[in-house]
Every structure is written in C-alpha cells, then in structure tokens.
Amino acid sequence: MLVLDLRVFNRPGKAASSRGALGWSGMYVALAAVFAVIVYFWQGHQAALEFVTGYVLELSLSVDNLFVFLVIFNYFSVPEAQQRRVLFWGVIGALLMRGIFIGAGVGLLSRFHWVLYVFGGLLVISGVRLMMGTHQVNPAKNPLVRALRKIIPVTPDFVGGKFFVRNKKDLRICATPLLLVLVLIETTDVLFAVDSIPAILAITLNAFIVYTSNVFAILGLRSMYFAVSGLMKVFRFLHYGLALVLILVGAKMLAADYYKVPIAATLCVVAAVLAMSIAVSVAYPAKSAG
C-alpha cells in the first residue's frame, strides 16, 4: 500500500495535497479496523482487543514524530515535493528497525522478568522529559549527521530527489542534503522506538500483535504528516497528553506484579487523555504574536 501510495496514485516529486493525504490517512485507519476484525475471528476477542489498544497507543505516540518531522524539514528547508520521498524511505527503515526492537524486547522480557521494571522506568522518565519539554531533537547536534559530513562531501543544495550525485569535476560521489535528512529521520525514529516499543510491550508480549500494530501505525504516519502538518501548532497541549500516556503506561508496567490493569481500561484511559489534550488545545489556542 505504501508503494502504491507513492508510485501509482501520487506522482513522484510532487507535493501532496492535504485532501489526498487525509483520504489516505483514513484508508490506513480503515485497513487497521479491518485487520482487527480479522484478528478477532482468527485469534479471539483478547488478541483483537490487544491489537486495537496497541494500535491506538502506537498511533498516538507516532504523532510526536510528526512534530519532529516538521522541525527537521524546516531546519534543512526540504522542498515539499521531496518530503514524500524522504518519508517513504524513512517508513521502510522504521518497519525494519521496529521489527528488530520488538524481537529483542519480547526476548528480553520472556527471559528476564526484571527488564519489565527497566522498561517501565524508561517510560516514566521519557514521559517526564516530554512533559518538561526536554524530549526534543536538535538537527545540528545529531552525531550521525556530523559524522556523515566528515566521511563524504555534501552538496550545498538539493539535487531533485537524489540522495547521491557524482561531482562533475573530480567524479567523486557526494551526498545531498536529502541524505542527511533521511539519516536524521531514521535516528530519531530509533529514539522514539525506545518509548513506543516498551509501551506496547506493557499491553501484550504477543510479537505478532506488537509488530502488526506498529506496522499499521507507521504506514499511516507519512500520509498523516501531510494531512495535519498545517494544523500541528493548533494542538499545543497534545505533547502533555502524550507525556501523561507514557507515564501511565510506565506505571502500569511497574505495578504489573501487584495489579493487572485490564486491556480495555488501558484503551479507554489512553483515548480519554488524548481526547482531553486535543479538546483543551482547541479551547485555549495559542495567542497570535500580533
């Protein structure tokens, strides 16, 4: 579906329309709903509920990625027509890395129970950092980007949608700023995976459910960015809601040996917190500079 989105239904190199992106976002949500029904008849009520809860949790935490995408694209002044290409490869890389993270996380929790407390503590700390505004990304200080600039020369300007070009004078291969943007997108996704993977492992250790809920959340992320990129500043309290979700899920993991929180209750709490943060953002919009 991602390839069809980029190569068939939308022409490469052209900016995405908000209406088209909104339609694709709705389609990915509908596909996740259909998949949840399939899981219900295939693996039962509990597995389906775990998938829906995991999907809502991952999708909500992925919203924080959208703000980071906006910062990165603005910092590098990425043309809107090329943002689609970067996000396409960024999503592919995220799918591969999430699979590795999930396999490692499930394996660790299955063998070493005390890792549950480590993951829970990390989520609480991440939630507090996000609440205080310290959970941010500075493109200029990314170590991989700085290392890449030392390893390979980088062209001063973008060259269409290319990541590499050959210098006409000395025939050396050079990277374009688009490659730096892609590296930054991938490394920041690793940072977010440290939050999101332990969060969903608090819901279930079924690796199939964990990975598929991640897949559906990530697949719709690119379309969601273009659909709501112009509205991100409207939801100025959303990051507080996301921070509270991380803290609550972390607390759920820390208390798992003493009290088992029902999956349905977790789903309701996550949805309620996000809805409240959005409602408060709409009710109390940011004051204009003028």
C-alpha atoms as a PDB file:
ATOM      1  CA  MET A   1       0.000   0.000   0.000  1.00  0.00           C
ATOM      2  CA  LEU A   2       2.913   2.348   0.703  1.00  0.00           C
ATOM      3  CA  VAL A   3       4.422   1.700  -2.732  1.00  0.00           C
ATOM      4  CA  LEU A   4       1.039   2.201  -4.413  1.00  0.00           C
ATOM      5  CA  ASP A   5       0.596   5.442  -2.480  1.00  0.00           C
ATOM      6  CA  LEU A   6       3.946   6.832  -3.643  1.00  0.00           C
ATOM      7  CA  ARG A   7       4.395   5.340  -7.119  1.00  0.00           C
ATOM      8  CA  VAL A   8       0.915   4.840  -8.549  1.00  0.00           C
ATOM      9  CA  PHE A   9      -1.738   7.071  -7.010  1.00  0.00           C
ATOM     10  CA  ASN A  10       0.593  10.029  -6.458  1.00  0.00           C
ATOM     11  CA  ARG A  11       3.238  11.153  -8.907  1.00  0.00           C
ATOM     12  CA  PRO A  12       6.786  11.195  -7.509  1.00  0.00           C
ATOM     13  CA  GLY A  13       8.359  14.593  -6.974  1.00  0.00           C
ATOM     14  CA  LYS A  14       5.100  16.450  -6.487  1.00  0.00           C
ATOM     15  CA  ALA A  15       3.751  17.966  -3.300  1.00  0.00           C
ATOM     16  CA  ALA A  16       0.985  16.073  -1.541  1.00  0.00           C
ATOM     17  CA  SER A  17      -2.398  17.729  -1.216  1.00  0.00           C
ATOM     18  CA  SER A  18      -3.955  17.924   2.244  1.00  0.00           C
ATOM     19  CA  ARG A  19      -7.216  16.419   0.959  1.00  0.00           C
ATOM     20  CA  GLY A  20      -5.458  13.473  -0.692  1.00  0.00           C
ATOM     21  CA  ALA A  21      -3.281  12.858   2.381  1.00  0.00           C
ATOM     22  CA  LEU A  22      -6.350  12.984   4.621  1.00  0.00           C
ATOM     23  CA  GLY A  23      -8.024  10.369   2.413  1.00  0.00           C
ATOM     24  CA  TRP A  24      -5.002   8.073   2.610  1.00  0.00           C
ATOM     25  CA  SER A  25      -4.849   8.516   6.393  1.00  0.00           C
ATOM     26  CA  GLY A  26      -8.492   7.479   6.648  1.00  0.00           C
ATOM     27  CA  MET A  27      -7.810   4.476   4.420  1.00  0.00           C
ATOM     28  CA  TYR A  28      -4.975   3.264   6.665  1.00  0.00           C
ATOM     29  CA  VAL A  29      -7.188   3.596   9.741  1.00  0.00           C
ATOM     30  CA  ALA A  30      -9.919   1.650   7.932  1.00  0.00           C
ATOM     31  CA  LEU A  31      -7.406  -1.070   6.998  1.00  0.00           C
ATOM     32  CA  ALA A  32      -6.355  -1.329  10.657  1.00  0.00           C
ATOM     33  CA  ALA A  33     -10.019  -1.711  11.633  1.00  0.00           C
ATOM     34  CA  VAL A  34     -10.498  -4.477   9.051  1.00  0.00           C
ATOM     35  CA  PHE A  35      -7.366  -6.210  10.312  1.00  0.00           C
ATOM     36  CA  ALA A  36      -8.689  -6.006  13.886  1.00  0.00           C
ATOM     37  CA  VAL A  37     -11.852  -7.817  12.743  1.00  0.00           C
ATOM     38  CA  ILE A  38      -9.723 -10.499  11.074  1.00  0.00           C
ATOM     39  CA  VAL A  39      -7.695 -10.944  14.270  1.00  0.00           C
ATOM     40  CA  TYR A  40     -10.955 -11.209  16.249  1.00  0.00           C
ATOM     41  CA  PHE A  41     -12.210 -14.172  14.184  1.00  0.00           C
ATOM     42  CA  TRP A  42      -8.722 -15.657  13.859  1.00  0.00           C
ATOM     43  CA  GLN A  43      -7.222 -15.349  17.357  1.00  0.00           C
ATOM     44  CA  GLY A  44     -10.158 -14.305  19.518  1.00  0.00           C
ATOM     45  CA  HIS A  45     -11.503 -11.343  21.480  1.00  0.00           C
ATOM     46  CA  GLN A  46      -8.410 -10.848  23.681  1.00  0.00           C
ATOM     47  CA  ALA A  47      -5.956 -10.686  20.764  1.00  0.00           C
ATOM     48  CA  ALA A  48      -8.201  -8.267  18.862  1.00  0.00           C
ATOM     49  CA  LEU A  49      -8.506  -6.000  21.912  1.00  0.00           C
ATOM     50  CA  GLU A  50      -4.729  -6.083  22.379  1.00  0.00           C
ATOM     51  CA  PHE A  51      -4.236  -5.122  18.724  1.00  0.00           C
ATOM     52  CA  VAL A  52      -6.679  -2.186  18.916  1.00  0.00           C
ATOM     53  CA  THR A  53      -5.135  -0.936  22.170  1.00  0.00           C
ATOM     54  CA  GLY A  54      -1.613  -1.312  20.781  1.00  0.00           C
ATOM     55  CA  TYR A  55      -2.576   0.417  17.544  1.00  0.00           C
ATOM     56  CA  VAL A  56      -4.173   3.389  19.306  1.00  0.00           C
ATOM     57  CA  LEU A  57      -1.171   3.663  21.633  1.00  0.00           C
ATOM     58  CA  GLU A  58       1.387   3.463  18.813  1.00  0.00           C
ATOM     59  CA  LEU A  59      -0.575   5.854  16.608  1.00  0.00           C
ATOM     60  CA  SER A  60      -0.837   8.402  19.413  1.00  0.00           C
ATOM     61  CA  LEU A  61       2.875   8.163  20.216  1.00  0.00           C
ATOM     62  CA  SER A  62       3.670   8.447  16.498  1.00  0.00           C
ATOM     63  CA  VAL A  63       2.002  11.850  16.493  1.00  0.00           C
ATOM     64  CA  ASP A  64       5.037  13.120  18.386  1.00  0.00           C
ATOM     65  CA  ASN A  65       7.135  12.027  15.388  1.00  0.00           C
ATOM     66  CA  LEU A  66       5.151  14.424  13.216  1.00  0.00           C
ATOM     67  CA  PHE A  67       6.362  17.399  15.222  1.00  0.00           C
ATOM     68  CA  VAL A  68       9.960  16.195  14.829  1.00  0.00           C
ATOM     69  CA  PHE A  69       9.482  15.749  11.070  1.00  0.00           C
ATOM     70  CA  LEU A  70       8.292  19.335  10.886  1.00  0.00           C
ATOM     71  CA  VAL A  71      11.368  20.600  12.777  1.00  0.00           C
ATOM     72  CA  ILE A  72      13.765  18.601  10.573  1.00  0.00           C
ATOM     73  CA  PHE A  73      12.163  19.644   7.283  1.00  0.00           C
ATOM     74  CA  ASN A  74      12.107  23.293   8.322  1.00  0.00           C
ATOM     75  CA  TYR A  75      15.720  23.198   9.537  1.00  0.00           C
ATOM     76  CA  PHE A  76      17.003  21.800   6.226  1.00  0.00           C
ATOM     77  CA  SER A  77      14.439  23.729   4.128  1.00  0.00           C
ATOM     78  CA  VAL A  78      13.408  20.500   2.378  1.00  0.00           C
ATOM     79  CA  PRO A  79      11.194  21.201  -0.659  1.00  0.00           C
ATOM     80  CA  GLU A  80       7.688  19.887  -0.036  1.00  0.00           C
ATOM     81  CA  ALA A  81       7.852  17.780  -3.197  1.00  0.00           C
ATOM     82  CA  GLN A  82      10.877  15.874  -1.794  1.00  0.00           C
ATOM     83  CA  GLN A  83       9.466  15.364   1.698  1.00  0.00           C
ATOM     84  CA  ARG A  84       7.374  12.474   0.348  1.00  0.00           C
ATOM     85  CA  ARG A  85      10.469  10.605  -0.850  1.00  0.00           C
ATOM     86  CA  VAL A  86      12.287  11.027   2.467  1.00  0.00           C
ATOM     87  CA  LEU A  87       9.277   9.851   4.483  1.00  0.00           C
ATOM     88  CA  PHE A  88       8.781   6.853   2.180  1.00  0.00           C
ATOM     89  CA  TRP A  89      12.301   5.534   2.849  1.00  0.00           C
ATOM     90  CA  GLY A  90      12.021   6.635   6.463  1.00  0.00           C
ATOM     91  CA  VAL A  91       8.943   4.445   6.922  1.00  0.00           C
ATOM     92  CA  ILE A  92      10.680   1.464   5.270  1.00  0.00           C
ATOM     93  CA  GLY A  93      13.634   1.839   7.629  1.00  0.00           C
ATOM     94  CA  ALA A  94      11.305   2.221  10.619  1.00  0.00           C
ATOM     95  CA  LEU A  95       9.484  -1.025   9.765  1.00  0.00           C
ATOM     96  CA  LEU A  96      12.798  -2.919   9.727  1.00  0.00           C
ATOM     97  CA  MET A  97      14.144  -1.345  12.912  1.00  0.00           C
ATOM     98  CA  ARG A  98      10.879  -1.796  14.823  1.00  0.00           C
ATOM     99  CA  GLY A  99      10.972  -5.498  13.948  1.00  0.00           C
ATOM    100  CA  ILE A 100      14.454  -5.785  15.473  1.00  0.00           C
ATOM    101  CA  PHE A 101      13.457  -3.791  18.558  1.00  0.00           C
ATOM    102  CA  ILE A 102      10.305  -5.856  19.094  1.00  0.00           C
ATOM    103  CA  GLY A 103      12.132  -9.166  18.716  1.00  0.00           C
ATOM    104  CA  ALA A 104      14.766  -8.066  21.223  1.00  0.00           C
ATOM    105  CA  GLY A 105      12.181  -6.642  23.659  1.00  0.00           C
ATOM    106  CA  VAL A 106       9.965  -9.724  23.661  1.00  0.00           C
ATOM    107  CA  GLY A 107      13.008 -11.976  24.043  1.00  0.00           C
ATOM    108  CA  LEU A 108      14.355  -9.976  26.996  1.00  0.00           C
ATOM    109  CA  LEU A 109      11.006  -9.835  28.818  1.00  0.00           C
ATOM    110  CA  SER A 110      10.450 -13.577  28.265  1.00  0.00           C
ATOM    111  CA  ARG A 111      13.842 -14.466  29.750  1.00  0.00           C
ATOM    112  CA  PHE A 112      14.453 -11.732  32.312  1.00  0.00           C
ATOM    113  CA  HIS A 113      11.415 -10.523  34.262  1.00  0.00           C
ATOM    114  CA  TRP A 114      13.311  -7.631  35.863  1.00  0.00           C
ATOM    115  CA  VAL A 115      13.590  -5.966  32.429  1.00  0.00           C
ATOM    116  CA  LEU A 116       9.895  -5.129  32.875  1.00  0.00           C
ATOM    117  CA  TYR A 117      10.857  -2.637  35.587  1.00  0.00           C
ATOM    118  CA  VAL A 118      13.621  -1.160  33.407  1.00  0.00           C
ATOM    119  CA  PHE A 119      11.172  -0.564  30.553  1.00  0.00           C
ATOM    120  CA  GLY A 120       8.594   0.867  32.949  1.00  0.00           C
ATOM    121  CA  GLY A 121      11.143   3.235  34.435  1.00  0.00           C
ATOM    122  CA  LEU A 122      12.287   4.367  30.977  1.00  0.00           C
ATOM    123  CA  LEU A 123       8.696   5.189  30.017  1.00  0.00           C
ATOM    124  CA  VAL A 124       8.117   7.229  33.162  1.00  0.00           C
ATOM    125  CA  ILE A 125      11.379   9.138  32.641  1.00  0.00           C
ATOM    126  CA  SER A 126      10.547   9.755  28.971  1.00  0.00           C
ATOM    127  CA  GLY A 127       7.099  10.990  29.919  1.00  0.00           C
ATOM    128  CA  VAL A 128       8.527  13.418  32.468  1.00  0.00           C
ATOM    129  CA  ARG A 129      11.092  14.693  29.950  1.00  0.00           C
ATOM    130  CA  LEU A 130       8.386  15.195  27.336  1.00  0.00           C
ATOM    131  CA  MET A 131       6.215  16.987  29.900  1.00  0.00           C
ATOM    132  CA  MET A 132       9.103  19.352  30.701  1.00  0.00           C
ATOM    133  CA  GLY A 133       9.929  19.965  27.047  1.00  0.00           C
ATOM    134  CA  THR A 134      13.363  18.286  27.117  1.00  0.00           C
ATOM    135  CA  HIS A 135      12.365  15.412  24.819  1.00  0.00           C
ATOM    136  CA  GLN A 136      13.412  17.305  21.696  1.00  0.00           C
ATOM    137  CA  VAL A 137      15.691  16.790  18.718  1.00  0.00           C
ATOM    138  CA  ASN A 138      18.357  19.248  17.594  1.00  0.00           C
ATOM    139  CA  PRO A 139      19.297  18.500  13.957  1.00  0.00           C
ATOM    140  CA  ALA A 140      22.556  20.446  14.220  1.00  0.00           C
ATOM    141  CA  LYS A 141      23.836  18.240  17.080  1.00  0.00           C
ATOM    142  CA  ASN A 142      22.947  14.821  15.662  1.00  0.00           C
ATOM    143  CA  PRO A 143      26.201  12.780  15.868  1.00  0.00           C
ATOM    144  CA  LEU A 144      25.472  10.635  12.797  1.00  0.00           C
ATOM    145  CA  VAL A 145      24.784  13.679  10.633  1.00  0.00           C
ATOM    146  CA  ARG A 146      28.000  15.321  11.803  1.00  0.00           C
ATOM    147  CA  ALA A 147      29.963  12.100  11.198  1.00  0.00           C
ATOM    148  CA  LEU A 148      28.454  11.718   7.728  1.00  0.00           C
ATOM    149  CA  ARG A 149      29.569  15.220   6.788  1.00  0.00           C
ATOM    150  CA  LYS A 150      33.152  14.226   7.680  1.00  0.00           C
ATOM    151  CA  ILE A 151      33.052  10.936   5.771  1.00  0.00           C
ATOM    152  CA  ILE A 152      31.516  12.092   2.500  1.00  0.00           C
ATOM    153  CA  PRO A 153      31.265  15.556   0.904  1.00  0.00           C
ATOM    154  CA  VAL A 154      27.779  17.024   0.886  1.00  0.00           C
ATOM    155  CA  THR A 155      26.423  19.227  -1.876  1.00  0.00           C
ATOM    156  CA  PRO A 156      25.257  22.683  -0.791  1.00  0.00           C
ATOM    157  CA  ASP A 157      21.850  22.311  -2.441  1.00  0.00           C
ATOM    158  CA  PHE A 158      19.248  19.620  -3.095  1.00  0.00           C
ATOM    159  CA  VAL A 159      19.519  17.798  -6.419  1.00  0.00           C
ATOM    160  CA  GLY A 160      15.940  16.814  -7.165  1.00  0.00           C
ATOM    161  CA  GLY A 161      15.062  13.668  -5.212  1.00  0.00           C
ATOM    162  CA  LYS A 162      18.589  12.196  -5.306  1.00  0.00           C
ATOM    163  CA  PHE A 163      20.470  11.072  -2.221  1.00  0.00           C
ATOM    164  CA  PHE A 164      23.820  10.762  -4.038  1.00  0.00           C
ATOM    165  CA  VAL A 165      25.314  12.580  -7.032  1.00  0.00           C
ATOM    166  CA  ARG A 166      28.668  12.456  -8.812  1.00  0.00           C
ATOM    167  CA  ASN A 167      30.814  15.592  -8.848  1.00  0.00           C
ATOM    168  CA  LYS A 168      31.420  16.587 -12.464  1.00  0.00           C
ATOM    169  CA  LYS A 169      34.901  17.975 -11.738  1.00  0.00           C
ATOM    170  CA  ASP A 170      36.648  15.110  -9.916  1.00  0.00           C
ATOM    171  CA  LEU A 171      33.926  12.423 -10.399  1.00  0.00           C
ATOM    172  CA  ARG A 172      33.711  11.906  -6.623  1.00  0.00           C
ATOM    173  CA  ILE A 173      30.426  10.667  -5.203  1.00  0.00           C
ATOM    174  CA  CYS A 174      28.775  13.274  -2.989  1.00  0.00           C
ATOM    175  CA  ALA A 175      25.794  13.086  -0.692  1.00  0.00           C
ATOM    176  CA  THR A 176      22.981  15.588  -0.975  1.00  0.00           C
ATOM    177  CA  PRO A 177      21.273  17.291   1.991  1.00  0.00           C
ATOM    178  CA  LEU A 178      18.367  14.906   1.358  1.00  0.00           C
ATOM    179  CA  LEU A 179      20.535  12.025   2.623  1.00  0.00           C
ATOM    180  CA  LEU A 180      21.291  13.964   5.813  1.00  0.00           C
ATOM    181  CA  VAL A 181      17.560  14.455   6.324  1.00  0.00           C
ATOM    182  CA  LEU A 182      16.926  10.717   5.841  1.00  0.00           C
ATOM    183  CA  VAL A 183      19.670   9.783   8.335  1.00  0.00           C
ATOM    184  CA  LEU A 184      18.199  12.199  10.856  1.00  0.00           C
ATOM    185  CA  ILE A 185      14.675  10.823  10.356  1.00  0.00           C
ATOM    186  CA  GLU A 186      15.916   7.259  10.910  1.00  0.00           C
ATOM    187  CA  THR A 187      17.959   8.054  14.016  1.00  0.00           C
ATOM    188  CA  THR A 188      15.124   9.972  15.636  1.00  0.00           C
ATOM    189  CA  ASP A 189      12.813   7.016  14.981  1.00  0.00           C
ATOM    190  CA  VAL A 190      15.215   4.858  16.985  1.00  0.00           C
ATOM    191  CA  LEU A 191      14.851   7.310  19.875  1.00  0.00           C
ATOM    192  CA  PHE A 192      11.061   7.170  19.650  1.00  0.00           C
ATOM    193  CA  ALA A 193      11.140   3.363  19.439  1.00  0.00           C
ATOM    194  CA  VAL A 194      12.759   3.362  22.891  1.00  0.00           C
ATOM    195  CA  ASP A 195       9.473   4.852  24.131  1.00  0.00           C
ATOM    196  CA  SER A 196       6.883   3.177  21.938  1.00  0.00           C
ATOM    197  CA  ILE A 197       8.127  -0.432  21.970  1.00  0.00           C
ATOM    198  CA  PRO A 198       8.223  -0.773  25.783  1.00  0.00           C
ATOM    199  CA  ALA A 199       4.826   0.956  25.895  1.00  0.00           C
ATOM    200  CA  ILE A 200       3.135  -1.649  23.730  1.00  0.00           C
ATOM    201  CA  LEU A 201       5.009  -4.483  25.470  1.00  0.00           C
ATOM    202  CA  ALA A 202       3.090  -3.361  28.562  1.00  0.00           C
ATOM    203  CA  ILE A 203      -0.068  -4.346  26.661  1.00  0.00           C
ATOM    204  CA  THR A 204       0.989  -7.733  25.291  1.00  0.00           C
ATOM    205  CA  LEU A 205       4.030  -9.929  24.644  1.00  0.00           C
ATOM    206  CA  ASN A 206       2.446 -11.444  21.535  1.00  0.00           C
ATOM    207  CA  ALA A 207       5.122 -10.475  18.987  1.00  0.00           C
ATOM    208  CA  PHE A 208       2.668 -10.782  16.088  1.00  0.00           C
ATOM    209  CA  ILE A 209       0.221  -8.339  17.676  1.00  0.00           C
ATOM    210  CA  VAL A 210       3.010  -5.976  18.739  1.00  0.00           C
ATOM    211  CA  TYR A 211       4.571  -5.814  15.276  1.00  0.00           C
ATOM    212  CA  THR A 212       1.353  -5.583  13.247  1.00  0.00           C
ATOM    213  CA  SER A 213       0.028  -2.761  15.418  1.00  0.00           C
ATOM    214  CA  ASN A 214       3.346  -0.961  14.842  1.00  0.00           C
ATOM    215  CA  VAL A 215       3.152  -1.602  11.099  1.00  0.00           C
ATOM    216  CA  PHE A 216      -0.330  -0.136  10.730  1.00  0.00           C
ATOM    217  CA  ALA A 217       0.573   2.900  12.862  1.00  0.00           C
ATOM    218  CA  ILE A 218       3.782   3.572  10.900  1.00  0.00           C
ATOM    219  CA  LEU A 219       2.233   3.021   7.456  1.00  0.00           C
ATOM    220  CA  GLY A 220      -0.275   5.790   8.029  1.00  0.00           C
ATOM    221  CA  LEU A 221       2.307   8.144   9.503  1.00  0.00           C
ATOM    222  CA  ARG A 222       3.510   9.601   6.188  1.00  0.00           C
ATOM    223  CA  SER A 223       0.024  10.467   4.951  1.00  0.00           C
ATOM    224  CA  MET A 224      -0.906  11.760   8.388  1.00  0.00           C
ATOM    225  CA  TYR A 225       2.020  14.189   8.296  1.00  0.00           C
ATOM    226  CA  PHE A 226       0.830  15.845   5.089  1.00  0.00           C
ATOM    227  CA  ALA A 227      -2.769  15.821   6.305  1.00  0.00           C
ATOM    228  CA  VAL A 228      -2.140  17.639   9.579  1.00  0.00           C
ATOM    229  CA  SER A 229       1.238  19.393   9.119  1.00  0.00           C
ATOM    230  CA  GLY A 230      -0.516  22.726   8.838  1.00  0.00           C
ATOM    231  CA  LEU A 231      -2.552  22.069  11.995  1.00  0.00           C
ATOM    232  CA  MET A 232       0.202  20.845  14.330  1.00  0.00           C
ATOM    233  CA  LYS A 233       0.624  24.157  16.114  1.00  0.00           C
ATOM    234  CA  VAL A 234      -3.111  24.151  16.886  1.00  0.00           C
ATOM    235  CA  PHE A 235      -2.745  21.148  19.222  1.00  0.00           C
ATOM    236  CA  ARG A 236      -0.253  22.858  21.516  1.00  0.00           C
ATOM    237  CA  PHE A 237      -1.198  20.777  24.563  1.00  0.00           C
ATOM    238  CA  LEU A 238      -1.025  17.428  22.782  1.00  0.00           C
ATOM    239  CA  HIS A 239       2.521  16.700  23.939  1.00  0.00           C
ATOM    240  CA  TYR A 240       1.315  16.932  27.555  1.00  0.00           C
ATOM    241  CA  GLY A 241      -1.265  14.252  26.783  1.00  0.00           C
ATOM    242  CA  LEU A 242       1.377  12.054  25.154  1.00  0.00           C
ATOM    243  CA  ALA A 243       3.661  12.570  28.162  1.00  0.00           C
ATOM    244  CA  LEU A 244       0.874  11.511  30.528  1.00  0.00           C
ATOM    245  CA  VAL A 245       0.211   8.412  28.401  1.00  0.00           C
ATOM    246  CA  LEU A 246       3.882   7.403  28.665  1.00  0.00           C
ATOM    247  CA  ILE A 247       3.874   7.931  32.442  1.00  0.00           C
ATOM    248  CA  LEU A 248       0.644   5.948  32.929  1.00  0.00           C
ATOM    249  CA  VAL A 249       1.813   3.044  30.757  1.00  0.00           C
ATOM    250  CA  GLY A 250       5.177   3.045  32.554  1.00  0.00           C
ATOM    251  CA  ALA A 251       3.369   2.925  35.896  1.00  0.00           C
ATOM    252  CA  LYS A 252       1.272   0.034  34.560  1.00  0.00           C
ATOM    253  CA  MET A 253       4.462  -1.929  33.841  1.00  0.00           C
ATOM    254  CA  LEU A 254       5.968  -1.123  37.239  1.00  0.00           C
ATOM    255  CA  ALA A 255       2.801  -2.280  39.019  1.00  0.00           C
ATOM    256  CA  ALA A 256       2.231  -5.354  36.821  1.00  0.00           C
ATOM    257  CA  ASP A 257       3.238  -7.824  39.562  1.00  0.00           C
ATOM    258  CA  TYR A 258       0.853  -6.244  42.065  1.00  0.00           C
ATOM    259  CA  TYR A 259      -2.164  -5.237  39.987  1.00  0.00           C
ATOM    260  CA  LYS A 260      -3.218  -6.313  36.493  1.00  0.00           C
ATOM    261  CA  VAL A 261      -4.823  -3.416  34.637  1.00  0.00           C
ATOM    262  CA  PRO A 262      -7.423  -4.682  32.118  1.00  0.00           C
ATOM    263  CA  ILE A 263      -6.620  -4.034  28.447  1.00  0.00           C
ATOM    264  CA  ALA A 264      -9.992  -2.347  27.910  1.00  0.00           C
ATOM    265  CA  ALA A 265      -9.275   0.066  30.757  1.00  0.00           C
ATOM    266  CA  THR A 266      -5.897   0.942  29.254  1.00  0.00           C
ATOM    267  CA  LEU A 267      -7.531   1.645  25.886  1.00  0.00           C
ATOM    268  CA  CYS A 268     -10.175   3.901  27.459  1.00  0.00           C
ATOM    269  CA  VAL A 269      -7.626   5.847  29.512  1.00  0.00           C
ATOM    270  CA  VAL A 270      -5.298   6.426  26.541  1.00  0.00           C
ATOM    271  CA  ALA A 271      -8.188   7.579  24.335  1.00  0.00           C
ATOM    272  CA  ALA A 272      -9.568   9.845  27.092  1.00  0.00           C
ATOM    273  CA  VAL A 273      -6.219  11.508  27.798  1.00  0.00           C
ATOM    274  CA  LEU A 274      -5.567  12.213  24.105  1.00  0.00           C
ATOM    275  CA  ALA A 275      -9.106  13.500  23.518  1.00  0.00           C
ATOM    276  CA  MET A 276      -8.824  15.801  26.528  1.00  0.00           C
ATOM    277  CA  SER A 277      -5.460  17.240  25.407  1.00  0.00           C
ATOM    278  CA  ILE A 278      -6.859  17.938  21.941  1.00  0.00           C
ATOM    279  CA  ALA A 279     -10.024  19.484  23.373  1.00  0.00           C
ATOM    280  CA  VAL A 280      -8.010  21.771  25.683  1.00  0.00           C
ATOM    281  CA  SER A 281      -5.793  22.785  22.728  1.00  0.00           C
ATOM    282  CA  VAL A 282      -8.866  23.770  20.712  1.00  0.00           C
ATOM    283  CA  ALA A 283     -10.500  25.539  23.670  1.00  0.00           C
ATOM    284  CA  TYR A 284      -7.353  27.509  24.540  1.00  0.00           C
ATOM    285  CA  PRO A 285      -5.499  28.245  21.281  1.00  0.00           C
ATOM    286  CA  ALA A 286      -2.120  29.950  21.274  1.00  0.00           C
ATOM    287  CA  LYS A 287      -2.265  33.738  21.195  1.00  0.00           C
ATOM    288  CA  SER A 288      -1.007  35.318  17.987  1.00  0.00           C
ATOM    289  CA  ALA A 289       2.212  37.297  18.144  1.00  0.00           C
ATOM    290  CA  GLY A 290       0.398  40.386  16.925  1.00  0.00           C
END
